[in-house]
């Protein structure tokens, strides 16, 4: 009788611990429920960063000359992106584009700030994102 009572108590404690881990954990709950994991947040940030760097290399604002491409490659144009999880399937954050060219500084465009958000599909780990200029 004591063994049965002890087994029931251990089982109840195990269930309570599993429920606590399931509801509080940032690593186990997203796997079960879906949503952004830490690595997917970093992947989203990298995707946005690469988009703006590619856009800087190919935009009509910059010529496609090797000199301008070199400015992006050597760090004259940098993009800083930070996203935080506001819900399991939603991120919010910003992208900050720094342009270290004197011409950009002269017209007040040495730093451009964009607010960003990303959402994840319900049944997959694919996400979409958008950024827009702050006003």
C-alpha atoms as a PDB file:
ATOM      1  CA  UNK A   1       0.000   0.000   0.000  1.00  0.00           C
ATOM      2  CA  UNK A   2       2.802   2.413   0.887  1.00  0.00           C
ATOM      3  CA  UNK A   3       4.560   1.633  -2.435  1.00  0.00           C
ATOM      4  CA  UNK A   4       1.392   2.443  -4.382  1.00  0.00           C
ATOM      5  CA  UNK A   5       0.929   5.714  -2.509  1.00  0.00           C
ATOM      6  CA  UNK A   6       4.586   6.645  -3.042  1.00  0.00           C
ATOM      7  CA  UNK A   7       4.371   5.823  -6.774  1.00  0.00           C
ATOM      8  CA  UNK A   8       1.235   7.989  -7.094  1.00  0.00           C
ATOM      9  CA  UNK A   9       2.952  10.884  -5.307  1.00  0.00           C
ATOM     10  CA  UNK A  10       6.056  10.629  -7.519  1.00  0.00           C
ATOM     11  CA  UNK A  11       3.833  10.478 -10.616  1.00  0.00           C
ATOM     12  CA  UNK A  12       1.882  13.561  -9.556  1.00  0.00           C
ATOM     13  CA  UNK A  13       5.098  15.510  -8.910  1.00  0.00           C
ATOM     14  CA  UNK A  14       6.443  14.448 -12.322  1.00  0.00           C
ATOM     15  CA  UNK A  15       3.264  15.639 -14.056  1.00  0.00           C
ATOM     16  CA  UNK A  16       3.393  18.986 -12.250  1.00  0.00           C
ATOM     17  CA  UNK A  17       7.053  19.476 -13.196  1.00  0.00           C
ATOM     18  CA  UNK A  18       6.369  18.620 -16.840  1.00  0.00           C
ATOM     19  CA  UNK A  19       3.481  21.090 -16.942  1.00  0.00           C
ATOM     20  CA  UNK A  20       5.674  23.815 -15.441  1.00  0.00           C
ATOM     21  CA  UNK A  21       8.446  23.158 -17.956  1.00  0.00           C
ATOM     22  CA  UNK A  22       5.934  23.047 -20.812  1.00  0.00           C
ATOM     23  CA  UNK A  23       4.306  26.375 -19.929  1.00  0.00           C
ATOM     24  CA  UNK A  24       7.427  28.286 -18.844  1.00  0.00           C
ATOM     25  CA  UNK A  25      10.169  27.014 -21.125  1.00  0.00           C
ATOM     26  CA  UNK A  26      11.273  28.974 -24.196  1.00  0.00           C
ATOM     27  CA  UNK A  27      12.848  25.897 -25.743  1.00  0.00           C
ATOM     28  CA  UNK A  28      10.315  23.126 -25.183  1.00  0.00           C
ATOM     29  CA  UNK A  29       7.033  25.040 -25.601  1.00  0.00           C
ATOM     30  CA  UNK A  30       7.835  26.431 -29.098  1.00  0.00           C
ATOM     31  CA  UNK A  31       8.698  22.936 -30.328  1.00  0.00           C
ATOM     32  CA  UNK A  32       5.344  21.625 -29.155  1.00  0.00           C
ATOM     33  CA  UNK A  33       3.218  24.712 -29.866  1.00  0.00           C
ATOM     34  CA  UNK A  34       5.175  26.218 -32.750  1.00  0.00           C
ATOM     35  CA  UNK A  35       6.418  29.747 -32.883  1.00  0.00           C
ATOM     36  CA  UNK A  36       9.762  31.491 -33.100  1.00  0.00           C
ATOM     37  CA  UNK A  37      12.755  29.817 -31.480  1.00  0.00           C
ATOM     38  CA  UNK A  38      15.903  31.775 -30.624  1.00  0.00           C
ATOM     39  CA  UNK A  39      17.660  30.478 -33.735  1.00  0.00           C
ATOM     40  CA  UNK A  40      14.696  31.482 -35.925  1.00  0.00           C
ATOM     41  CA  UNK A  41      14.767  34.974 -34.434  1.00  0.00           C
ATOM     42  CA  UNK A  42      18.484  35.238 -35.363  1.00  0.00           C
ATOM     43  CA  UNK A  43      17.664  33.864 -38.832  1.00  0.00           C
ATOM     44  CA  UNK A  44      14.966  36.527 -39.275  1.00  0.00           C
ATOM     45  CA  UNK A  45      17.410  39.263 -38.226  1.00  0.00           C
ATOM     46  CA  UNK A  46      19.982  37.941 -40.704  1.00  0.00           C
ATOM     47  CA  UNK A  47      17.399  37.812 -43.511  1.00  0.00           C
ATOM     48  CA  UNK A  48      16.445  41.456 -42.938  1.00  0.00           C
ATOM     49  CA  UNK A  49      20.100  42.516 -42.657  1.00  0.00           C
ATOM     50  CA  UNK A  50      21.007  40.772 -45.924  1.00  0.00           C
ATOM     51  CA  UNK A  51      17.997  42.328 -47.672  1.00  0.00           C
ATOM     52  CA  UNK A  52      19.076  45.858 -46.801  1.00  0.00           C
ATOM     53  CA  UNK A  53      22.726  45.195 -47.648  1.00  0.00           C
ATOM     54  CA  UNK A  54      21.741  43.704 -51.011  1.00  0.00           C
ATOM     55  CA  UNK A  55      19.368  46.612 -51.621  1.00  0.00           C
ATOM     56  CA  UNK A  56      22.196  49.042 -50.835  1.00  0.00           C
ATOM     57  CA  UNK A  57      24.455  47.310 -53.335  1.00  0.00           C
ATOM     58  CA  UNK A  58      21.841  47.288 -56.094  1.00  0.00           C
ATOM     59  CA  UNK A  59      19.670  50.341 -55.438  1.00  0.00           C
ATOM     60  CA  UNK A  60      19.286  53.166 -57.878  1.00  0.00           C
ATOM     61  CA  UNK A  61      20.479  55.490 -55.126  1.00  0.00           C
ATOM     62  CA  UNK A  62      23.889  53.873 -55.347  1.00  0.00           C
ATOM     63  CA  UNK A  63      25.443  53.224 -58.680  1.00  0.00           C
ATOM     64  CA  UNK A  64      26.491  49.700 -59.498  1.00  0.00           C
ATOM     65  CA  UNK A  65      30.088  50.785 -59.831  1.00  0.00           C
ATOM     66  CA  UNK A  66      32.765  48.675 -58.158  1.00  0.00           C
ATOM     67  CA  UNK A  67      33.574  51.658 -55.926  1.00  0.00           C
ATOM     68  CA  UNK A  68      30.056  51.815 -54.474  1.00  0.00           C
ATOM     69  CA  UNK A  69      29.892  48.047 -54.039  1.00  0.00           C
ATOM     70  CA  UNK A  70      33.206  48.260 -52.214  1.00  0.00           C
ATOM     71  CA  UNK A  71      31.704  50.829 -49.805  1.00  0.00           C
ATOM     72  CA  UNK A  72      29.058  48.296 -48.773  1.00  0.00           C
ATOM     73  CA  UNK A  73      31.583  45.472 -48.573  1.00  0.00           C
ATOM     74  CA  UNK A  74      34.138  47.421 -46.516  1.00  0.00           C
ATOM     75  CA  UNK A  75      31.628  48.595 -43.900  1.00  0.00           C
ATOM     76  CA  UNK A  76      30.842  52.130 -45.093  1.00  0.00           C
ATOM     77  CA  UNK A  77      27.233  50.958 -45.060  1.00  0.00           C
ATOM     78  CA  UNK A  78      26.220  48.825 -42.107  1.00  0.00           C
ATOM     79  CA  UNK A  79      22.860  47.419 -41.079  1.00  0.00           C
ATOM     80  CA  UNK A  80      21.940  46.680 -37.478  1.00  0.00           C
ATOM     81  CA  UNK A  81      18.805  44.562 -36.880  1.00  0.00           C
ATOM     82  CA  UNK A  82      17.238  43.608 -33.547  1.00  0.00           C
ATOM     83  CA  UNK A  83      14.018  41.631 -33.170  1.00  0.00           C
ATOM     84  CA  UNK A  84      12.236  40.492 -30.005  1.00  0.00           C
ATOM     85  CA  UNK A  85       9.416  38.014 -29.553  1.00  0.00           C
ATOM     86  CA  UNK A  86       6.172  39.715 -28.524  1.00  0.00           C
ATOM     87  CA  UNK A  87       4.069  36.569 -29.044  1.00  0.00           C
ATOM     88  CA  UNK A  88       4.842  32.971 -30.014  1.00  0.00           C
ATOM     89  CA  UNK A  89       4.383  33.766 -33.699  1.00  0.00           C
ATOM     90  CA  UNK A  90       5.187  37.498 -33.814  1.00  0.00           C
ATOM     91  CA  UNK A  91       8.412  39.490 -33.641  1.00  0.00           C
ATOM     92  CA  UNK A  92       8.871  43.247 -33.488  1.00  0.00           C
ATOM     93  CA  UNK A  93      12.017  45.295 -33.736  1.00  0.00           C
ATOM     94  CA  UNK A  94      14.023  47.632 -35.918  1.00  0.00           C
ATOM     95  CA  UNK A  95      16.584  47.881 -38.673  1.00  0.00           C
ATOM     96  CA  UNK A  96      19.066  50.733 -38.511  1.00  0.00           C
ATOM     97  CA  UNK A  97      21.047  51.523 -41.662  1.00  0.00           C
ATOM     98  CA  UNK A  98      24.256  53.496 -41.104  1.00  0.00           C
ATOM     99  CA  UNK A  99      25.759  55.241 -44.136  1.00  0.00           C
ATOM    100  CA  UNK A 100      29.192  56.654 -43.464  1.00  0.00           C
ATOM    101  CA  UNK A 101      29.557  58.518 -46.771  1.00  0.00           C
ATOM    102  CA  UNK A 102      30.020  62.282 -46.451  1.00  0.00           C
ATOM    103  CA  UNK A 103      27.251  62.938 -49.017  1.00  0.00           C
ATOM    104  CA  UNK A 104      24.734  61.083 -46.846  1.00  0.00           C
ATOM    105  CA  UNK A 105      25.853  62.990 -43.760  1.00  0.00           C
ATOM    106  CA  UNK A 106      25.493  66.310 -45.593  1.00  0.00           C
ATOM    107  CA  UNK A 107      21.807  65.671 -46.384  1.00  0.00           C
ATOM    108  CA  UNK A 108      21.008  64.097 -42.998  1.00  0.00           C
ATOM    109  CA  UNK A 109      20.713  60.507 -44.203  1.00  0.00           C
ATOM    110  CA  UNK A 110      23.653  59.009 -42.365  1.00  0.00           C
ATOM    111  CA  UNK A 111      21.276  56.900 -40.261  1.00  0.00           C
ATOM    112  CA  UNK A 112      17.952  55.516 -41.413  1.00  0.00           C
ATOM    113  CA  UNK A 113      15.669  53.774 -38.923  1.00  0.00           C
ATOM    114  CA  UNK A 114      12.994  51.247 -39.928  1.00  0.00           C
ATOM    115  CA  UNK A 115      10.488  49.549 -37.611  1.00  0.00           C
ATOM    116  CA  UNK A 116      10.075  45.866 -38.417  1.00  0.00           C
ATOM    117  CA  UNK A 117       7.746  43.013 -37.636  1.00  0.00           C
ATOM    118  CA  UNK A 118       7.663  39.357 -38.563  1.00  0.00           C
ATOM    119  CA  UNK A 119       4.929  36.754 -38.280  1.00  0.00           C
ATOM    120  CA  UNK A 120       5.128  32.982 -38.530  1.00  0.00           C
ATOM    121  CA  UNK A 121       2.662  30.686 -40.260  1.00  0.00           C
ATOM    122  CA  UNK A 122       0.543  28.465 -38.032  1.00  0.00           C
ATOM    123  CA  UNK A 123       1.638  25.077 -39.330  1.00  0.00           C
ATOM    124  CA  UNK A 124       5.241  25.669 -40.372  1.00  0.00           C
ATOM    125  CA  UNK A 125       8.348  27.534 -39.345  1.00  0.00           C
ATOM    126  CA  UNK A 126       8.193  29.911 -42.324  1.00  0.00           C
ATOM    127  CA  UNK A 127       7.838  33.585 -41.583  1.00  0.00           C
ATOM    128  CA  UNK A 128       7.182  36.817 -43.412  1.00  0.00           C
ATOM    129  CA  UNK A 129       8.550  40.180 -42.411  1.00  0.00           C
ATOM    130  CA  UNK A 130       8.173  43.836 -43.291  1.00  0.00           C
ATOM    131  CA  UNK A 131       9.907  47.019 -42.294  1.00  0.00           C
ATOM    132  CA  UNK A 132       8.751  50.595 -42.728  1.00  0.00           C
ATOM    133  CA  UNK A 133      10.277  53.983 -42.122  1.00  0.00           C
ATOM    134  CA  UNK A 134       9.621  55.646 -38.789  1.00  0.00           C
ATOM    135  CA  UNK A 135       7.787  58.943 -38.935  1.00  0.00           C
END
